Amino acid sequence: LVFKFKGNQQLYAVHVYEVTRWTGEAQETEEMEPRWWPSDKFPFEHMWPDDELWCPLLFQTRCEFFTGFAAFPPYEPGTRVVLGHRFAE
């Protein structure tokens, strides 16, 4: 996935992985506190606004690979706007 913010030339590349087995405990980071959610009850209202657009490719279609792009207005915490997007298998 590639993300861009209006007014910023940098592109942000993100890789999404599905993990079905692991050992140990999930660790909190500066950006994320691990929590488990059923795939049909994700708290999208607390996530980046594009997550609701690409998560179905991961959880509903179960496709092995997908690509995508989303453009946002200049970063401002709490903004829930996607200027444009394209996500596909």
PDB file of N, CA and C in Angstrom:
ATOM      1  N   LEU A   1       0.854  -1.176   0.000  1.00  0.00           N
ATOM      2  CA  LEU A   1       0.000   0.000   0.000  1.00  0.00           C
ATOM      3  C   LEU A   1       0.891   1.228   0.000  1.00  0.00           C
ATOM      4  N   VAL A   2       0.441   2.267  -0.685  1.00  0.00           N
ATOM      5  CA  VAL A   2       1.193   3.519  -0.752  1.00  0.00           C
ATOM      6  C   VAL A   2       0.248   4.651  -0.354  1.00  0.00           C
ATOM      7  N   PHE A   3       0.745   5.525   0.495  1.00  0.00           N
ATOM      8  CA  PHE A   3      -0.051   6.652   0.982  1.00  0.00           C
ATOM      9  C   PHE A   3       0.671   7.960   0.698  1.00  0.00           C
ATOM     10  N   LYS A   4      -0.118   8.988   0.416  1.00  0.00           N
ATOM     11  CA  LYS A   4       0.428  10.324   0.150  1.00  0.00           C
ATOM     12  C   LYS A   4      -0.443  11.365   0.821  1.00  0.00           C
ATOM     13  N   PHE A   5       0.226  12.367   1.373  1.00  0.00           N
ATOM     14  CA  PHE A   5      -0.474  13.505   1.981  1.00  0.00           C
ATOM     15  C   PHE A   5      -0.278  14.722   1.090  1.00  0.00           C
ATOM     16  N   LYS A   6      -1.358  15.417   0.813  1.00  0.00           N
ATOM     17  CA  LYS A   6      -1.311  16.616  -0.033  1.00  0.00           C
ATOM     18  C   LYS A   6      -0.310  17.603   0.558  1.00  0.00           C
ATOM     19  N   GLY A   7       0.511  18.173  -0.293  1.00  0.00           N
ATOM     20  CA  GLY A   7       1.499  19.147   0.149  1.00  0.00           C
ATOM     21  C   GLY A   7       2.793  18.520   0.635  1.00  0.00           C
ATOM     22  N   ASN A   8       2.880  17.198   0.656  1.00  0.00           N
ATOM     23  CA  ASN A   8       4.080  16.492   1.086  1.00  0.00           C
ATOM     24  C   ASN A   8       4.504  15.588  -0.072  1.00  0.00           C
ATOM     25  N   GLN A   9       5.714  15.730  -0.548  1.00  0.00           N
ATOM     26  CA  GLN A   9       6.194  14.956  -1.693  1.00  0.00           C
ATOM     27  C   GLN A   9       6.491  13.494  -1.350  1.00  0.00           C
ATOM     28  N   GLN A  10       6.686  13.204  -0.073  1.00  0.00           N
ATOM     29  CA  GLN A  10       7.042  11.846   0.330  1.00  0.00           C
ATOM     30  C   GLN A  10       5.883  10.874   0.165  1.00  0.00           C
ATOM     31  N   LEU A  11       6.182   9.700  -0.352  1.00  0.00           N
ATOM     32  CA  LEU A  11       5.217   8.602  -0.422  1.00  0.00           C
ATOM     33  C   LEU A  11       5.532   7.648   0.721  1.00  0.00           C
ATOM     34  N   TYR A  12       4.512   7.111   1.357  1.00  0.00           N
ATOM     35  CA  TYR A  12       4.676   6.189   2.476  1.00  0.00           C
ATOM     36  C   TYR A  12       4.259   4.794   2.031  1.00  0.00           C
ATOM     37  N   ALA A  13       5.212   3.878   1.980  1.00  0.00           N
ATOM     38  CA  ALA A  13       4.935   2.493   1.583  1.00  0.00           C
ATOM     39  C   ALA A  13       4.675   1.671   2.841  1.00  0.00           C
ATOM     40  N   VAL A  14       3.594   0.896   2.815  1.00  0.00           N
ATOM     41  CA  VAL A  14       3.194   0.077   3.953  1.00  0.00           C
ATOM     42  C   VAL A  14       2.986  -1.358   3.469  1.00  0.00           C
ATOM     43  N   HIS A  15       3.489  -2.295   4.229  1.00  0.00           N
ATOM     44  CA  HIS A  15       3.303  -3.715   3.922  1.00  0.00           C
ATOM     45  C   HIS A  15       2.363  -4.307   4.962  1.00  0.00           C
ATOM     46  N   VAL A  16       1.384  -5.071   4.509  1.00  0.00           N
ATOM     47  CA  VAL A  16       0.392  -5.692   5.385  1.00  0.00           C
ATOM     48  C   VAL A  16       0.630  -7.191   5.376  1.00  0.00           C
ATOM     49  N   TYR A  17       0.695  -7.782   6.562  1.00  0.00           N
ATOM     50  CA  TYR A  17       0.912  -9.213   6.686  1.00  0.00           C
ATOM     51  C   TYR A  17      -0.211  -9.829   7.505  1.00  0.00           C
ATOM     52  N   GLU A  18      -0.641 -10.997   7.103  1.00  0.00           N
ATOM     53  CA  GLU A  18      -1.588 -11.761   7.896  1.00  0.00           C
ATOM     54  C   GLU A  18      -0.802 -12.828   8.649  1.00  0.00           C
ATOM     55  N   VAL A  19      -0.948 -12.842   9.954  1.00  0.00           N
ATOM     56  CA  VAL A  19      -0.253 -13.810  10.795  1.00  0.00           C
ATOM     57  C   VAL A  19      -1.289 -14.765  11.366  1.00  0.00           C
ATOM     58  N   THR A  20      -1.087 -16.049  11.167  1.00  0.00           N
ATOM     59  CA  THR A  20      -2.032 -17.036  11.677  1.00  0.00           C
ATOM     60  C   THR A  20      -1.480 -17.828  12.850  1.00  0.00           C
ATOM     61  N   ARG A  21      -0.155 -17.832  13.026  1.00  0.00           N
ATOM     62  CA  ARG A  21       0.467 -18.506  14.167  1.00  0.00           C
ATOM     63  C   ARG A  21       1.636 -17.662  14.675  1.00  0.00           C
ATOM     64  N   TRP A  22       1.850 -17.657  15.971  1.00  0.00           N
ATOM     65  CA  TRP A  22       2.964 -16.922  16.553  1.00  0.00           C
ATOM     66  C   TRP A  22       3.241 -17.479  17.939  1.00  0.00           C
ATOM     67  N   THR A  23       4.349 -17.072  18.503  1.00  0.00           N
ATOM     68  CA  THR A  23       4.675 -17.401  19.885  1.00  0.00           C
ATOM     69  C   THR A  23       4.930 -16.097  20.617  1.00  0.00           C
ATOM     70  N   GLY A  24       4.779 -16.108  21.926  1.00  0.00           N
ATOM     71  CA  GLY A  24       5.014 -14.909  22.718  1.00  0.00           C
ATOM     72  C   GLY A  24       3.774 -14.041  22.828  1.00  0.00           C
ATOM     73  N   GLU A  25       3.968 -12.863  23.352  1.00  0.00           N
ATOM     74  CA  GLU A  25       2.877 -11.911  23.578  1.00  0.00           C
ATOM     75  C   GLU A  25       3.056 -10.683  22.692  1.00  0.00           C
ATOM     76  N   ALA A  26       1.957 -10.146  22.199  1.00  0.00           N
ATOM     77  CA  ALA A  26       2.008  -8.902  21.421  1.00  0.00           C
ATOM     78  C   ALA A  26       2.476  -7.773  22.340  1.00  0.00           C
ATOM     79  N   GLN A  27       3.293  -6.886  21.818  1.00  0.00           N
ATOM     80  CA  GLN A  27       3.865  -5.790  22.601  1.00  0.00           C
ATOM     81  C   GLN A  27       3.312  -4.448  22.144  1.00  0.00           C
ATOM     82  N   GLU A  28       3.002  -3.597  23.083  1.00  0.00           N
ATOM     83  CA  GLU A  28       2.554  -2.247  22.769  1.00  0.00           C
ATOM     84  C   GLU A  28       3.724  -1.442  22.209  1.00  0.00           C
ATOM     85  N   THR A  29       3.402  -0.575  21.234  1.00  0.00           N
ATOM     86  CA  THR A  29       4.413   0.321  20.676  1.00  0.00           C
ATOM     87  C   THR A  29       3.943   1.758  20.871  1.00  0.00           C
ATOM     88  N   GLU A  30       4.765   2.691  20.448  1.00  0.00           N
ATOM     89  CA  GLU A  30       4.407   4.107  20.539  1.00  0.00           C
ATOM     90  C   GLU A  30       3.147   4.416  19.738  1.00  0.00           C
ATOM     91  N   GLU A  31       2.925   3.684  18.645  1.00  0.00           N
ATOM     92  CA  GLU A  31       1.803   3.948  17.750  1.00  0.00           C
ATOM     93  C   GLU A  31       0.600   3.037  17.962  1.00  0.00           C
ATOM     94  N   MET A  32       0.793   1.887  18.622  1.00  0.00           N
ATOM     95  CA  MET A  32      -0.279   0.899  18.654  1.00  0.00           C
ATOM     96  C   MET A  32      -0.311   0.138  19.977  1.00  0.00           C
ATOM     97  N   GLU A  33      -1.516  -0.026  20.504  1.00  0.00           N
ATOM     98  CA  GLU A  33      -1.754  -0.895  21.654  1.00  0.00           C
ATOM     99  C   GLU A  33      -2.462  -2.138  21.127  1.00  0.00           C
ATOM    100  N   PRO A  34      -1.829  -3.309  21.224  1.00  0.00           N
ATOM    101  CA  PRO A  34      -2.447  -4.507  20.639  1.00  0.00           C
ATOM    102  C   PRO A  34      -3.782  -4.859  21.295  1.00  0.00           C
ATOM    103  N   ARG A  35      -4.745  -5.118  20.450  1.00  0.00           N
ATOM    104  CA  ARG A  35      -6.059  -5.590  20.887  1.00  0.00           C
ATOM    105  C   ARG A  35      -6.564  -6.552  19.828  1.00  0.00           C
ATOM    106  N   TRP A  36      -7.379  -7.503  20.211  1.00  0.00           N
ATOM    107  CA  TRP A  36      -7.925  -8.483  19.279  1.00  0.00           C
ATOM    108  C   TRP A  36      -9.380  -8.147  19.003  1.00  0.00           C
ATOM    109  N   TRP A  37      -9.739  -8.153  17.716  1.00  0.00           N
ATOM    110  CA  TRP A  37     -11.101  -7.840  17.276  1.00  0.00           C
ATOM    111  C   TRP A  37     -11.557  -8.889  16.278  1.00  0.00           C
ATOM    112  N   PRO A  38     -12.829  -9.276  16.314  1.00  0.00           N
ATOM    113  CA  PRO A  38     -13.346 -10.099  15.222  1.00  0.00           C
ATOM    114  C   PRO A  38     -13.246  -9.280  13.922  1.00  0.00           C
ATOM    115  N   SER A  39     -12.950  -9.942  12.815  1.00  0.00           N
ATOM    116  CA  SER A  39     -12.722  -9.204  11.567  1.00  0.00           C
ATOM    117  C   SER A  39     -13.946  -8.431  11.094  1.00  0.00           C
ATOM    118  N   ASP A  40     -15.145  -8.797  11.556  1.00  0.00           N
ATOM    119  CA  ASP A  40     -16.348  -8.054  11.159  1.00  0.00           C
ATOM    120  C   ASP A  40     -16.728  -6.965  12.151  1.00  0.00           C
ATOM    121  N   LYS A  41     -15.888  -6.728  13.169  1.00  0.00           N
ATOM    122  CA  LYS A  41     -16.199  -5.719  14.180  1.00  0.00           C
ATOM    123  C   LYS A  41     -15.014  -4.782  14.441  1.00  0.00           C
ATOM    124  N   PHE A  42     -14.218  -4.565  13.418  1.00  0.00           N
ATOM    125  CA  PHE A  42     -13.077  -3.666  13.585  1.00  0.00           C
ATOM    126  C   PHE A  42     -13.559  -2.258  13.937  1.00  0.00           C
ATOM    127  N   PRO A  43     -12.860  -1.560  14.822  1.00  0.00           N
ATOM    128  CA  PRO A  43     -13.241  -0.194  15.220  1.00  0.00           C
ATOM    129  C   PRO A  43     -12.735   0.852  14.227  1.00  0.00           C
ATOM    130  N   PHE A  44     -13.257   0.795  13.006  1.00  0.00           N
ATOM    131  CA  PHE A  44     -12.755   1.674  11.949  1.00  0.00           C
ATOM    132  C   PHE A  44     -12.835   3.150  12.318  1.00  0.00           C
ATOM    133  N   GLU A  45     -13.765   3.522  13.162  1.00  0.00           N
ATOM    134  CA  GLU A  45     -13.889   4.933  13.546  1.00  0.00           C
ATOM    135  C   GLU A  45     -12.667   5.427  14.322  1.00  0.00           C
ATOM    136  N   HIS A  46     -11.805   4.525  14.792  1.00  0.00           N
ATOM    137  CA  HIS A  46     -10.599   4.895  15.535  1.00  0.00           C
ATOM    138  C   HIS A  46      -9.329   4.615  14.730  1.00  0.00           C
ATOM    139  N   MET A  47      -9.498   4.281  13.460  1.00  0.00           N
ATOM    140  CA  MET A  47      -8.364   3.914  12.612  1.00  0.00           C
ATOM    141  C   MET A  47      -8.217   4.934  11.481  1.00  0.00           C
ATOM    142  N   TRP A  48      -7.162   4.779  10.697  1.00  0.00           N
ATOM    143  CA  TRP A  48      -7.011   5.631   9.527  1.00  0.00           C
ATOM    144  C   TRP A  48      -8.222   5.434   8.625  1.00  0.00           C
ATOM    145  N   PRO A  49      -8.723   6.508   8.002  1.00  0.00           N
ATOM    146  CA  PRO A  49      -9.975   6.400   7.243  1.00  0.00           C
ATOM    147  C   PRO A  49      -9.920   5.461   6.038  1.00  0.00           C
ATOM    148  N   ASP A  50      -8.755   5.206   5.490  1.00  0.00           N
ATOM    149  CA  ASP A  50      -8.665   4.292   4.344  1.00  0.00           C
ATOM    150  C   ASP A  50      -8.717   2.822   4.763  1.00  0.00           C
ATOM    151  N   ASP A  51      -8.497   2.517   6.038  1.00  0.00           N
ATOM    152  CA  ASP A  51      -8.478   1.123   6.490  1.00  0.00           C
ATOM    153  C   ASP A  51      -9.785   0.405   6.159  1.00  0.00           C
ATOM    154  N   GLU A  52     -10.871   1.107   6.251  1.00  0.00           N
ATOM    155  CA  GLU A  52     -12.179   0.511   5.944  1.00  0.00           C
ATOM    156  C   GLU A  52     -12.301   0.167   4.453  1.00  0.00           C
ATOM    157  N   LEU A  53     -11.470   0.794   3.632  1.00  0.00           N
ATOM    158  CA  LEU A  53     -11.519   0.554   2.192  1.00  0.00           C
ATOM    159  C   LEU A  53     -10.694  -0.666   1.776  1.00  0.00           C
ATOM    160  N   TRP A  54      -9.544  -0.901   2.434  1.00  0.00           N
ATOM    161  CA  TRP A  54      -8.709  -2.032   2.027  1.00  0.00           C
ATOM    162  C   TRP A  54      -8.834  -3.256   2.926  1.00  0.00           C
ATOM    163  N   CYS A  55      -9.272  -3.120   4.155  1.00  0.00           N
ATOM    164  CA  CYS A  55      -9.401  -4.284   5.045  1.00  0.00           C
ATOM    165  C   CYS A  55     -10.313  -5.379   4.482  1.00  0.00           C
ATOM    166  N   PRO A  56     -11.399  -5.049   3.780  1.00  0.00           N
ATOM    167  CA  PRO A  56     -12.202  -6.131   3.198  1.00  0.00           C
ATOM    168  C   PRO A  56     -11.409  -7.031   2.245  1.00  0.00           C
ATOM    169  N   LEU A  57     -10.403  -6.482   1.555  1.00  0.00           N
ATOM    170  CA  LEU A  57      -9.574  -7.319   0.690  1.00  0.00           C
ATOM    171  C   LEU A  57      -8.830  -8.373   1.505  1.00  0.00           C
ATOM    172  N   LEU A  58      -8.462  -8.028   2.707  1.00  0.00           N
ATOM    173  CA  LEU A  58      -7.752  -8.964   3.571  1.00  0.00           C
ATOM    174  C   LEU A  58      -8.708  -9.933   4.264  1.00  0.00           C
ATOM    175  N   PHE A  59      -9.798  -9.421   4.809  1.00  0.00           N
ATOM    176  CA  PHE A  59     -10.662 -10.241   5.661  1.00  0.00           C
ATOM    177  C   PHE A  59     -11.816 -10.940   4.948  1.00  0.00           C
ATOM    178  N   GLN A  60     -12.348 -10.341   3.907  1.00  0.00           N
ATOM    179  CA  GLN A  60     -13.529 -10.928   3.265  1.00  0.00           C
ATOM    180  C   GLN A  60     -13.173 -11.746   2.034  1.00  0.00           C
ATOM    181  N   THR A  61     -12.302 -11.229   1.189  1.00  0.00           N
ATOM    182  CA  THR A  61     -11.981 -11.965  -0.031  1.00  0.00           C
ATOM    183  C   THR A  61     -10.875 -12.975   0.204  1.00  0.00           C
ATOM    184  N   ARG A  62     -10.113 -12.788   1.262  1.00  0.00           N
ATOM    185  CA  ARG A  62      -9.008 -13.691   1.589  1.00  0.00           C
ATOM    186  C   ARG A  62      -8.013 -13.806   0.433  1.00  0.00           C
ATOM    187  N   CYS A  63      -7.835 -12.719  -0.313  1.00  0.00           N
ATOM    188  CA  CYS A  63      -6.887 -12.761  -1.417  1.00  0.00           C
ATOM    189  C   CYS A  63      -5.463 -12.792  -0.846  1.00  0.00           C
ATOM    190  N   GLU A  64      -4.562 -13.401  -1.584  1.00  0.00           N
ATOM    191  CA  GLU A  64      -3.195 -13.551  -1.113  1.00  0.00           C
ATOM    192  C   GLU A  64      -2.403 -12.248  -1.242  1.00  0.00           C
ATOM    193  N   PHE A  65      -2.664 -11.503  -2.327  1.00  0.00           N
ATOM    194  CA  PHE A  65      -1.956 -10.244  -2.559  1.00  0.00           C
ATOM    195  C   PHE A  65      -2.951  -9.172  -2.978  1.00  0.00           C
ATOM    196  N   PHE A  66      -2.699  -7.948  -2.550  1.00  0.00           N
ATOM    197  CA  PHE A  66      -3.457  -6.813  -3.051  1.00  0.00           C
ATOM    198  C   PHE A  66      -2.565  -5.586  -3.006  1.00  0.00           C
ATOM    199  N   THR A  67      -2.931  -4.607  -3.804  1.00  0.00           N
ATOM    200  CA  THR A  67      -2.173  -3.368  -3.873  1.00  0.00           C
ATOM    201  C   THR A  67      -3.122  -2.206  -3.658  1.00  0.00           C
ATOM    202  N   GLY A  68      -2.558  -1.053  -3.393  1.00  0.00           N
ATOM    203  CA  GLY A  68      -3.440   0.088  -3.237  1.00  0.00           C
ATOM    204  C   GLY A  68      -2.701   1.387  -3.028  1.00  0.00           C
ATOM    205  N   PHE A  69      -3.474   2.444  -3.176  1.00  0.00           N
ATOM    206  CA  PHE A  69      -2.977   3.810  -3.012  1.00  0.00           C
ATOM    207  C   PHE A  69      -4.089   4.639  -2.390  1.00  0.00           C
ATOM    208  N   ALA A  70      -3.727   5.508  -1.468  1.00  0.00           N
ATOM    209  CA  ALA A  70      -4.695   6.452  -0.899  1.00  0.00           C
ATOM    210  C   ALA A  70      -4.015   7.808  -0.740  1.00  0.00           C
ATOM    211  N   ALA A  71      -4.765   8.850  -1.062  1.00  0.00           N
ATOM    212  CA  ALA A  71      -4.284  10.223  -0.915  1.00  0.00           C
ATOM    213  C   ALA A  71      -5.112  10.910   0.157  1.00  0.00           C
ATOM    214  N   PHE A  72      -4.422  11.660   1.004  1.00  0.00           N
ATOM    215  CA  PHE A  72      -5.053  12.351   2.125  1.00  0.00           C
ATOM    216  C   PHE A  72      -4.774  13.847   2.048  1.00  0.00           C
ATOM    217  N   PRO A  73      -5.595  14.660   2.720  1.00  0.00           N
ATOM    218  CA  PRO A  73      -5.253  16.078   2.855  1.00  0.00           C
ATOM    219  C   PRO A  73      -4.015  16.199   3.748  1.00  0.00           C
ATOM    220  N   PRO A  74      -3.450  17.395   3.898  1.00  0.00           N
ATOM    221  CA  PRO A  74      -2.314  17.540   4.811  1.00  0.00           C
ATOM    222  C   PRO A  74      -2.659  16.917   6.174  1.00  0.00           C
ATOM    223  N   TYR A  75      -1.671  16.238   6.775  1.00  0.00           N
ATOM    224  CA  TYR A  75      -1.931  15.516   8.028  1.00  0.00           C
ATOM    225  C   TYR A  75      -2.406  16.446   9.128  1.00  0.00           C
ATOM    226  N   GLU A  76      -3.497  16.059   9.738  1.00  0.00           N
ATOM    227  CA  GLU A  76      -4.049  16.753  10.891  1.00  0.00           C
ATOM    228  C   GLU A  76      -4.733  15.685  11.748  1.00  0.00           C
ATOM    229  N   PRO A  77      -4.281  15.481  12.994  1.00  0.00           N
ATOM    230  CA  PRO A  77      -4.890  14.438  13.831  1.00  0.00           C
ATOM    231  C   PRO A  77      -6.408  14.559  13.871  1.00  0.00           C
ATOM    232  N   GLY A  78      -7.062  13.422  13.740  1.00  0.00           N
ATOM    233  CA  GLY A  78      -8.520  13.391  13.797  1.00  0.00           C
ATOM    234  C   GLY A  78      -9.211  13.569  12.465  1.00  0.00           C
ATOM    235  N   THR A  79      -8.460  13.935  11.412  1.00  0.00           N
ATOM    236  CA  THR A  79      -9.063  14.103  10.092  1.00  0.00           C
ATOM    237  C   THR A  79      -9.471  12.748   9.538  1.00  0.00           C
ATOM    238  N   ARG A  80     -10.692  12.644   9.014  1.00  0.00           N
ATOM    239  CA  ARG A  80     -11.205  11.371   8.491  1.00  0.00           C
ATOM    240  C   ARG A  80     -11.546  11.503   7.005  1.00  0.00           C
ATOM    241  N   VAL A  81     -10.641  12.106   6.241  1.00  0.00           N
ATOM    242  CA  VAL A  81     -10.898  12.362   4.827  1.00  0.00           C
ATOM    243  C   VAL A  81      -9.894  11.597   3.963  1.00  0.00           C
ATOM    244  N   VAL A  82     -10.400  10.949   2.916  1.00  0.00           N
ATOM    245  CA  VAL A  82      -9.562  10.333   1.890  1.00  0.00           C
ATOM    246  C   VAL A  82      -9.872  11.083   0.599  1.00  0.00           C
ATOM    247  N   LEU A  83      -8.851  11.696   0.008  1.00  0.00           N
ATOM    248  CA  LEU A  83      -9.060  12.480  -1.214  1.00  0.00           C
ATOM    249  C   LEU A  83      -9.251  11.602  -2.437  1.00  0.00           C
ATOM    250  N   GLY A  84      -8.623  10.464  -2.434  1.00  0.00           N
ATOM    251  CA  GLY A  84      -8.728   9.524  -3.550  1.00  0.00           C
ATOM    252  C   GLY A  84      -8.115   8.203  -3.148  1.00  0.00           C
ATOM    253  N   HIS A  85      -8.531   7.134  -3.816  1.00  0.00           N
ATOM    254  CA  HIS A  85      -7.970   5.825  -3.476  1.00  0.00           C
ATOM    255  C   HIS A  85      -8.178   4.840  -4.624  1.00  0.00           C
ATOM    256  N   ARG A  86      -7.351   3.799  -4.590  1.00  0.00           N
ATOM    257  CA  ARG A  86      -7.484   2.675  -5.518  1.00  0.00           C
ATOM    258  C   ARG A  86      -6.901   1.458  -4.814  1.00  0.00           C
ATOM    259  N   PHE A  87      -7.705   0.455  -4.557  1.00  0.00           N
ATOM    260  CA  PHE A  87      -7.268  -0.792  -3.940  1.00  0.00           C
ATOM    261  C   PHE A  87      -7.786  -1.936  -4.792  1.00  0.00           C
ATOM    262  N   ALA A  88      -6.942  -2.913  -5.068  1.00  0.00           N
ATOM    263  CA  ALA A  88      -7.356  -4.005  -5.944  1.00  0.00           C
ATOM    264  C   ALA A  88      -6.555  -5.268  -5.652  1.00  0.00           C
ATOM    265  N   GLU A  89      -7.184  -6.406  -5.991  1.00  0.00           N
ATOM    266  CA  GLU A  89      -6.500  -7.691  -5.867  1.00  0.00           C
ATOM    267  C   GLU A  89      -5.492  -7.823  -6.986  1.00  0.00           C
TER     268      GLU A  89
END
